[in-house]
Protein backbone atom coordinates (compact mmCIF):
# COMPACT_ATOMS: atom_id res chain seq x y z
CA UNK A 1 0.16 17.77 -17.46
CA UNK A 2 1.34 14.55 -15.97
CA UNK A 3 4.78 15.01 -14.22
CA UNK A 4 7.63 12.82 -15.79
CA UNK A 5 9.27 9.82 -13.81
CA UNK A 6 12.18 10.82 -11.53
CA UNK A 7 14.83 7.91 -12.35
CA UNK A 8 16.69 8.86 -9.15
CA UNK A 9 13.34 8.70 -7.06
CA UNK A 10 11.09 6.00 -5.86
CA UNK A 11 7.92 5.67 -8.08
CA UNK A 12 5.81 6.99 -4.93
CA UNK A 13 7.83 10.51 -5.00
CA UNK A 14 6.31 10.94 -8.83
CA UNK A 15 3.33 9.74 -7.55
CA UNK A 16 3.13 12.24 -4.75
CA UNK A 17 3.78 15.08 -7.15
CA UNK A 18 0.71 14.25 -9.20
CA UNK A 19 -1.24 14.55 -6.62
CA UNK A 20 -0.05 17.40 -4.99
CA UNK A 21 -0.49 19.04 -8.65
CA UNK A 22 -3.85 17.62 -9.45
CA UNK A 23 -5.03 18.79 -5.49
CA UNK A 24 -4.06 22.50 -6.27
CA UNK A 25 -5.59 22.48 -9.00
CA UNK A 26 -9.29 21.08 -7.35
CA UNK A 27 -9.00 23.08 -3.87
CA UNK A 28 -8.32 26.14 -6.10
CA UNK A 29 -11.98 26.31 -6.91
CA UNK A 30 -13.53 25.38 -3.67
CA UNK A 31 -15.80 28.00 -2.40
CA UNK A 32 -14.87 30.69 -0.93
CA UNK A 33 -16.00 30.30 2.71
CA UNK A 34 -14.02 26.88 2.67
CA UNK A 35 -11.08 27.52 0.56
CA UNK A 36 -8.58 28.57 3.28
CA UNK A 37 -10.04 26.17 5.59
CA UNK A 38 -10.75 22.56 4.08
CA UNK A 39 -9.08 23.66 0.68
CA UNK A 40 -5.58 24.83 2.62
CA UNK A 41 -6.04 21.91 4.86
CA UNK A 42 -6.00 19.32 2.30
CA UNK A 43 -3.13 21.16 0.11
CA UNK A 44 -1.04 21.21 3.42
CA UNK A 45 -1.63 17.71 4.02
CA UNK A 46 -0.34 16.53 0.14
CA UNK A 47 2.63 18.71 0.94
CA UNK A 48 3.20 16.98 4.18
CA UNK A 49 2.82 13.75 2.23
CA UNK A 50 5.52 14.89 -0.10
CA UNK A 51 8.04 15.92 2.57
CA UNK A 52 7.46 12.74 4.35
CA UNK A 53 8.33 11.17 1.49
CA UNK A 54 11.14 13.43 0.75
CA UNK A 55 12.67 12.59 4.32
CA UNK A 56 12.51 8.75 4.21
CA UNK A 57 14.44 9.13 0.64
CA UNK A 58 17.53 10.60 2.38
CA UNK A 59 17.36 8.97 5.89
CA UNK A 60 19.39 5.59 6.55
CA UNK A 61 17.22 2.34 6.07
CA UNK A 62 17.10 2.18 9.82
CA UNK A 63 15.08 5.44 10.13
CA UNK A 64 13.01 5.53 7.08
CA UNK A 65 10.11 3.71 9.13
CA UNK A 66 8.89 7.15 10.76
CA UNK A 67 8.62 8.97 8.25
CA UNK A 68 6.46 6.32 6.38
CA UNK A 69 4.43 5.80 8.92
CA UNK A 70 3.76 9.67 8.81
CA UNK A 71 3.02 9.54 5.23
CA UNK A 72 0.38 6.68 5.78
CA UNK A 73 -1.31 8.84 8.38
CA UNK A 74 -1.54 11.81 6.38
CA UNK A 75 -2.80 9.60 3.53
CA UNK A 76 -5.64 8.47 5.99
CA UNK A 77 -6.59 12.24 6.83
CA UNK A 78 -6.48 12.77 2.85
CA UNK A 79 -9.13 10.38 2.41
CA UNK A 80 -11.46 11.71 4.89
CA UNK A 81 -11.53 15.14 4.13
CA UNK A 82 -11.04 14.40 0.24
CA UNK A 83 -14.95 12.49 1.32
CA UNK A 84 -15.87 15.22 3.14
CA UNK A 85 -15.37 17.65 0.04
CA UNK A 86 -16.92 15.03 -2.48
CA UNK A 87 -20.04 15.02 0.22
CA UNK A 88 -20.24 18.41 0.24
CA UNK A 89 -20.48 18.72 -3.72
CA UNK A 90 -16.40 20.66 -3.76
CA UNK A 91 -15.78 17.99 -6.04
CA UNK A 92 -17.39 15.51 -8.01
CA UNK A 93 -18.15 11.20 -7.83
CA UNK A 94 -15.25 10.81 -10.72
CA UNK A 95 -12.88 13.31 -9.41
CA UNK A 96 -13.58 11.40 -5.72
CA UNK A 97 -13.12 8.25 -7.57
CA UNK A 98 -9.79 9.27 -8.88
CA UNK A 99 -8.33 10.89 -5.74
CA UNK A 100 -8.97 7.65 -3.77
CA UNK A 101 -7.46 5.57 -6.19
CA UNK A 102 -4.83 7.62 -6.48
CA UNK A 103 -4.33 7.55 -2.27
CA UNK A 104 -4.51 3.80 -2.50
CA UNK A 105 -1.73 3.56 -5.28
CA UNK A 106 0.37 5.65 -3.01
CA UNK A 107 -0.55 3.84 -0.13
CA UNK A 108 0.17 0.45 -1.47
CA UNK A 109 3.84 1.78 -2.68
CA UNK A 110 4.07 3.02 0.84
CA UNK A 111 3.03 -0.37 2.34
CA UNK A 112 5.48 -1.84 -0.15
CA UNK A 113 8.56 0.21 0.74
CA UNK A 114 7.48 0.01 4.68
CA UNK A 115 7.74 -3.97 4.05
CA UNK A 116 10.80 -3.94 2.07
CA UNK A 117 12.77 -1.92 5.28
CA UNK A 118 11.25 -4.14 7.89
CA UNK A 119 12.34 -7.53 6.59
CA UNK A 120 15.37 -9.04 8.41
CA UNK A 121 18.53 -9.97 6.62
CA UNK A 122 18.06 -13.01 4.95
CA UNK A 123 14.61 -13.37 5.21
CA UNK A 124 12.72 -14.65 1.99
CA UNK A 125 9.07 -12.96 2.75
């Protein structure tokens, strides 16, 4: 069941929550020999990404950049690990496409958030 939007939270939070739920369902079906290595790493990175989003939500504008950059790095790591999962046959091509699209969407939102806090006051970028 998809998460309902959180009106007081940025859309990236809702997308990350959805990704986390989807991720837990997928990694639970990884082969036992890799569930507690690669699967757990994917789970932890997705949790880390959600934590970075929450950290940014509660930071002042001047201090949001670090957690958002960490979030971007976590997303890049997740792309690589999900590619490995697909290459090994632990997820289908369709699932790989879904997770890649979701990570790309979160990345675009994060990039927009970074751009919005990086603008100088009064600029019309």
